[in-house]
Protein backbone atom coordinates (compact mmCIF):
# COMPACT_ATOMS: atom_id res chain seq x y z
CA MET A 1 101.90 116.25 87.98
CA ILE A 2 99.19 113.60 88.27
CA ILE A 3 96.45 114.16 90.82
CA VAL A 4 94.79 110.94 91.92
CA THR A 5 91.46 111.22 93.69
CA GLY A 6 89.67 108.21 95.11
CA SER A 7 89.46 106.09 98.21
CA LEU A 8 91.98 105.03 100.84
CA SER A 9 91.00 101.90 102.70
CA PHE A 10 91.97 98.85 104.64
CA ASP A 11 90.90 95.88 102.55
CA TYR A 12 89.78 92.53 103.92
CA ILE A 13 89.91 90.10 101.01
CA PHE A 14 88.22 86.68 101.12
CA ASN A 15 89.17 84.39 98.22
CA PHE A 16 86.61 81.83 97.08
CA PRO A 17 88.22 78.92 95.15
CA GLY A 18 85.31 78.58 92.74
CA LYS A 19 82.94 80.60 90.54
CA PHE A 20 79.94 82.50 91.84
CA LYS A 21 77.94 81.61 88.73
CA ASP A 22 78.03 77.94 89.71
CA HIS A 23 76.19 78.69 92.96
CA ILE A 24 73.67 81.37 92.00
CA LEU A 25 70.36 80.39 90.46
CA ALA A 26 69.11 83.09 88.10
CA GLU A 27 65.46 82.27 88.84
CA LYS A 28 66.08 82.71 92.59
CA ILE A 29 68.16 85.87 92.48
CA HIS A 30 65.35 87.86 94.12
CA LEU A 31 65.82 85.94 97.41
CA LEU A 32 69.55 85.29 97.70
CA ASN A 33 70.77 83.65 100.89
CA LEU A 34 74.29 82.40 100.25
CA SER A 35 77.45 81.68 102.18
CA PHE A 36 80.76 80.92 100.48
CA LEU A 37 83.53 78.93 102.18
CA THR A 38 86.77 80.79 101.46
CA ASP A 39 90.33 79.53 101.61
CA LYS A 40 92.16 82.83 102.17
CA LEU A 41 91.69 85.97 104.22
CA ASN A 42 94.10 88.85 104.51
CA LYS A 43 94.07 92.46 105.60
CA ASN A 44 95.76 94.78 103.12
CA LEU A 45 96.25 98.43 102.39
CA GLY A 46 93.98 99.42 99.52
CA GLY A 47 91.66 101.97 98.01
CA THR A 48 91.56 103.16 94.43
CA ALA A 49 93.67 106.29 94.97
CA ALA A 50 96.49 104.45 96.71
CA ASN A 51 96.46 101.47 94.34
CA ILE A 52 96.78 103.69 91.27
CA SER A 53 99.39 105.97 92.83
CA TYR A 54 101.49 103.04 94.04
CA ASN A 55 101.75 101.58 90.54
CA LEU A 56 102.44 105.02 89.04
CA SER A 57 105.34 105.37 91.47
CA LEU A 58 106.80 102.00 90.42
CA LEU A 59 106.60 103.22 86.82
CA GLY A 60 108.50 106.39 87.66
CA GLU A 61 105.55 108.81 87.69
CA GLN A 62 105.03 111.29 90.53
CA SER A 63 101.46 111.42 91.75
CA ILE A 64 99.68 113.35 94.48
CA ILE A 65 96.80 111.75 96.34
CA LEU A 66 93.79 113.95 97.06
CA ALA A 67 91.69 112.00 99.56
CA THR A 68 90.54 111.72 103.17
CA ALA A 69 91.56 109.28 105.90
CA GLY A 70 90.77 108.51 109.53
CA LYS A 71 92.43 108.30 112.93
CA ASP A 72 94.03 104.94 112.12
CA PHE A 73 95.87 106.25 109.05
CA ALA A 74 99.38 106.87 110.46
CA PRO A 75 101.02 103.53 109.45
CA TYR A 76 99.35 103.70 106.03
CA LYS A 77 100.74 107.23 105.52
CA ARG A 78 104.25 106.00 106.34
CA PHE A 79 103.90 103.26 103.72
CA LEU A 80 102.82 105.75 101.05
CA LYS A 81 105.68 108.12 101.81
CA LYS A 82 108.18 105.25 101.64
CA ALA A 83 106.72 104.37 98.22
CA GLY A 84 107.48 107.90 97.00
CA ILE A 85 103.86 109.11 96.93
CA GLU A 86 103.00 112.68 97.91
CA THR A 87 100.58 112.69 100.87
CA LYS A 88 100.35 116.38 101.84
CA TYR A 89 96.86 116.71 100.35
CA ILE A 90 95.44 113.75 102.29
CA LYS A 91 93.18 115.22 104.97
CA THR A 92 92.95 113.19 108.19
CA TYR A 93 89.89 113.19 110.45
CA LYS A 94 90.40 112.16 114.06
CA ASN A 95 86.76 111.33 114.81
CA ASP A 96 86.34 108.46 112.35
CA PHE A 97 88.16 105.51 110.84
CA THR A 98 89.72 105.17 107.41
CA SER A 99 87.43 103.33 104.98
CA ASN A 100 87.16 99.54 105.21
CA TYR A 101 86.37 97.24 102.30
CA PHE A 102 85.27 93.61 102.71
CA ALA A 103 85.43 91.71 99.42
CA LEU A 104 84.55 88.15 98.47
CA VAL A 105 86.37 87.32 95.23
CA ASP A 106 86.00 84.25 93.01
CA GLN A 107 88.41 82.68 90.52
CA ARG A 108 87.13 84.89 87.68
CA ASP A 109 87.80 88.14 89.57
CA ASN A 110 84.08 88.66 90.20
CA GLN A 111 83.54 90.49 93.47
CA ILE A 112 80.83 90.77 96.09
CA GLY A 113 81.82 93.53 98.46
CA GLY A 114 80.79 95.63 101.39
CA PHE A 115 82.34 99.05 101.94
CA TYR A 116 82.35 101.16 105.12
CA ALA A 117 83.06 104.70 103.96
CA GLY A 118 84.25 106.19 107.25
CA ALA A 119 86.31 109.33 106.68
CA MET A 120 85.73 109.06 102.94
CA THR A 121 82.34 110.73 103.46
CA LYS A 122 84.26 113.97 104.05
CA ALA A 123 85.95 113.86 100.62
CA LYS A 124 83.49 116.44 99.31
CA THR A 125 85.34 119.04 101.41
CA LEU A 126 88.45 118.62 99.21
CA SER A 127 89.16 120.77 96.17
CA ILE A 128 91.50 120.62 93.20
CA THR A 129 91.46 124.42 93.06
CA LYS A 130 93.53 124.57 96.26
CA MET A 131 96.39 122.57 94.76
CA THR A 132 99.45 124.30 93.34
CA GLY A 133 101.72 123.43 90.45
CA PRO A 134 101.16 122.30 86.84
CA ILE A 135 98.63 119.48 86.47
CA ASP A 136 99.04 117.00 83.61
CA LEU A 137 96.04 114.79 84.42
CA VAL A 138 93.45 114.27 87.14
CA VAL A 139 92.34 110.72 87.87
CA ILE A 140 88.77 110.69 89.21
CA SER A 141 88.33 107.22 90.64
CA PRO A 142 85.58 105.93 92.97
CA THR A 143 85.17 107.86 96.21
CA GLU A 144 82.31 109.75 97.86
CA PRO A 145 79.90 110.53 94.97
CA LYS A 146 79.49 114.22 95.79
CA ALA A 147 83.27 114.56 95.76
CA MET A 148 83.46 112.88 92.34
CA VAL A 149 80.88 115.31 90.96
CA LYS A 150 82.80 118.22 92.48
CA PHE A 151 86.11 117.08 90.95
CA VAL A 152 84.47 116.72 87.52
CA ASN A 153 83.07 120.24 87.75
CA GLU A 154 86.43 121.66 88.84
CA CYS A 155 88.31 119.88 86.04
CA GLN A 156 85.89 121.23 83.47
CA GLN A 157 86.00 124.74 84.90
CA LEU A 158 89.81 124.72 85.04
CA LYS A 159 90.05 122.95 81.65
CA LEU A 160 92.11 120.13 83.16
CA PRO A 161 92.25 116.77 81.36
CA TYR A 162 90.78 113.99 83.47
CA LEU A 163 90.26 110.25 83.53
CA PHE A 164 86.73 109.38 84.66
CA ASP A 165 86.32 106.04 86.42
CA PRO A 166 82.94 105.88 88.21
CA GLY A 167 83.33 102.16 88.95
CA MET A 168 81.67 100.98 92.15
CA GLN A 169 79.87 104.31 92.59
CA LEU A 170 77.83 103.87 89.42
CA PRO A 171 74.66 102.98 91.38
CA ARG A 172 74.93 106.17 93.45
CA LEU A 173 75.57 108.64 90.64
CA THR A 174 72.49 110.07 88.94
CA LYS A 175 72.00 110.05 85.18
CA SER A 176 72.85 113.75 84.96
CA GLU A 177 75.95 113.31 87.11
CA LEU A 178 77.16 110.42 84.94
CA LEU A 179 76.57 112.41 81.77
CA LYS A 180 78.44 115.36 83.26
CA GLY A 181 81.45 113.16 84.09
CA ILE A 182 81.44 111.39 80.74
CA ASN A 183 81.11 114.58 78.73
CA LYS A 184 84.56 116.02 77.92
CA ALA A 185 86.48 113.26 79.74
CA GLU A 186 89.92 112.68 78.29
CA ILE A 187 89.64 109.00 79.22
CA LEU A 188 86.59 107.00 80.30
CA ILE A 189 87.35 103.58 81.76
CA GLY A 190 85.45 100.66 83.25
CA ASN A 191 85.08 96.91 82.95
CA ASP A 192 82.62 95.48 80.45
CA TYR A 193 79.80 95.33 83.01
CA GLU A 194 80.39 98.92 84.13
CA ILE A 195 80.50 100.29 80.57
CA SER A 196 77.26 98.46 79.77
CA LEU A 197 75.65 99.85 82.93
CA MET A 198 76.83 103.38 82.06
CA ARG A 199 75.21 103.11 78.65
CA LYS A 200 71.99 101.79 80.15
CA ARG A 201 71.86 104.49 82.84
CA THR A 202 72.55 107.30 80.35
CA ASN A 203 70.64 105.89 77.34
CA LEU A 204 73.72 106.43 75.18
CA THR A 205 74.55 104.30 72.18
CA LYS A 206 78.18 103.24 71.73
CA ARG A 207 78.59 105.88 69.01
CA GLN A 208 77.14 108.59 71.25
CA LEU A 209 79.39 107.53 74.11
CA LEU A 210 82.46 107.69 71.89
CA SER A 211 81.48 111.16 70.70
CA LYS A 212 81.64 112.50 74.26
CA VAL A 213 85.08 111.21 75.29
CA LYS A 214 88.49 111.22 73.70
CA ILE A 215 89.31 107.62 74.69
CA LEU A 216 87.05 104.80 75.90
CA ILE A 217 88.68 101.83 77.63
CA THR A 218 86.84 98.62 78.46
CA THR A 219 88.79 96.18 80.63
CA LEU A 220 87.98 92.50 80.07
CA ALA A 221 89.86 90.67 82.86
CA GLU A 222 91.78 87.68 81.44
CA ARG A 223 90.57 88.61 77.93
CA GLY A 224 92.60 91.82 77.98
CA SER A 225 91.07 95.19 77.15
CA LEU A 226 89.50 97.20 74.36
CA ILE A 227 90.58 100.77 73.60
CA GLU A 228 88.28 102.82 71.37
CA THR A 229 88.13 106.28 69.86
CA GLN A 230 85.77 107.58 67.20
CA LYS A 231 88.25 106.37 64.58
CA LYS A 232 90.03 103.39 66.15
CA LYS A 233 89.32 100.13 67.92
CA ILE A 234 92.36 98.45 69.49
CA LYS A 235 92.23 95.03 71.17
CA ILE A 236 94.88 94.52 73.84
CA LYS A 237 95.71 91.02 75.00
CA ALA A 238 96.27 90.27 78.67
CA ALA A 239 99.92 89.99 79.67
CA LYS A 240 100.77 86.58 81.05
CA PRO A 241 101.35 86.48 84.83
CA LYS A 242 103.81 83.98 86.33
CA ASN A 243 101.02 82.80 88.60
CA VAL A 244 97.56 83.93 89.66
CA SER A 245 97.43 84.64 93.37
CA ASP A 246 94.93 87.48 93.81
CA PRO A 247 93.21 89.43 90.99
CA VAL A 248 92.07 92.30 93.24
CA GLY A 249 93.73 95.56 92.22
CA ALA A 250 94.51 94.51 88.66
CA GLY A 251 92.17 97.15 87.26
CA ASP A 252 93.84 99.94 89.23
CA ALA A 253 97.28 98.74 88.10
CA TYR A 254 96.04 98.75 84.48
CA ARG A 255 94.92 102.36 84.88
CA ALA A 256 98.36 103.35 86.21
CA GLY A 257 100.15 101.58 83.38
CA PHE A 258 97.96 103.20 80.75
CA VAL A 259 98.32 106.68 82.27
CA ALA A 260 102.11 106.31 82.58
CA GLY A 261 102.35 105.49 78.89
CA TYR A 262 99.83 108.14 77.87
CA LEU A 263 101.67 110.96 79.61
CA ARG A 264 104.91 109.80 78.00
CA GLY A 265 103.29 110.26 74.59
CA TYR A 266 103.14 106.59 73.61
CA ASN A 267 100.49 105.43 71.14
CA LEU A 268 97.30 103.91 72.49
CA ARG A 269 98.31 100.32 71.79
CA THR A 270 101.53 100.74 73.77
CA CYS A 271 99.62 102.45 76.60
CA GLY A 272 97.16 99.58 76.79
CA GLN A 273 99.95 97.02 76.74
CA MET A 274 101.69 98.87 79.57
CA GLY A 275 98.45 98.67 81.53
CA SER A 276 98.26 94.97 80.78
CA VAL A 277 101.79 94.32 82.07
CA ALA A 278 101.21 96.37 85.23
CA ALA A 279 98.05 94.36 85.93
CA ALA A 280 99.95 91.08 85.54
CA TYR A 281 102.35 92.02 88.32
CA THR A 282 99.45 92.72 90.68
CA VAL A 283 97.69 89.37 90.30
CA GLU A 284 100.89 87.51 91.18
CA LYS A 285 100.86 88.76 94.78
CA TYR A 286 98.20 88.62 97.44
CA GLY A 287 97.14 92.21 98.08
CA THR A 288 96.99 95.28 95.86
CA MET A 289 100.28 96.92 96.86
CA THR A 290 102.52 94.00 97.75
CA HIS A 291 104.14 93.54 94.33
CA ARG A 292 107.37 95.21 93.24
CA PHE A 293 109.17 95.79 89.97
CA THR A 294 111.97 97.99 88.69
CA LYS A 295 111.72 99.93 85.46
CA LYS A 296 114.14 97.50 83.80
CA GLU A 297 112.12 94.51 84.95
CA PHE A 298 108.96 96.11 83.59
CA GLU A 299 110.62 96.84 80.22
CA LYS A 300 111.85 93.24 80.01
CA ARG A 301 108.44 91.76 80.77
CA TYR A 302 106.80 94.14 78.30
CA TYR A 303 109.14 92.87 75.59
CA HIS A 304 108.51 89.21 76.47
CA ASN A 305 104.76 89.73 76.19
CA PHE A 306 104.53 92.08 73.21
CA TYR A 307 107.88 91.72 71.40
CA ALA A 308 108.49 95.47 71.36
CA LYS A 309 110.73 97.76 73.36
CA ILE A 310 109.73 100.64 75.60
CA THR A 311 111.78 102.96 77.78
CA LEU A 312 110.60 104.15 81.16
């Protein structure tokens, strides 16, 4: 069983058909006053917990979401159930709304976002200790910071393997909280900016960071990803999408692909390549949970990108 903690949200995505770097002057960054004309806007179901669980379900893995939602959650819950995702541990609060995320995204998948937490602020009331059944892995993805710290502590106390993904909550986690989450993590994952920020916030060298986790994954957008252990460094190329519609959610899909391969006992290269293929499907559709694929389709695309066979 895979427990996925994280956010549930309604996402409003604005797509900017250019690059932020072309419009931001480094010497004026202290007094930013910018407006970007976007060419797309859509409201989608999102949130890290749902995005990861949705892709795990497509890959044939059963996951259970541990998260909080608001009074507007009913249609979202129906969608998750239809997708084969267990929702019994999602706690709904009737006096607030489900989280809302407003993201401005450029062509390079850089994001400027605003997030209304809503019912997510109650996530610290949840507990892994109240869940029953064998647990293969806990995914700790961005949610209310106190909840993330609590889940880390519970995983370590219960000796449960966990993937630590502080992501967008990096600025709100203290140095000691980050070190606690990193220490003993089965998998630590982030994009290149986030990994650099983690090292800066914790004063850890790359070698020290690798000594504290079993696997370190750095995602690199269209440049693929880098998987590292104390003994190995594996570069994974990005799988080729049929088209690029919307890069939001690609990172969550990568995490699901990697975890699906990891729990099947595949080697790290294969796991990373599975993450890469899962991410490619996501960028082809507008929204984070609008894509579809069968196991056979995934196996075929994996072979076309990496000239090797896998079985889901």
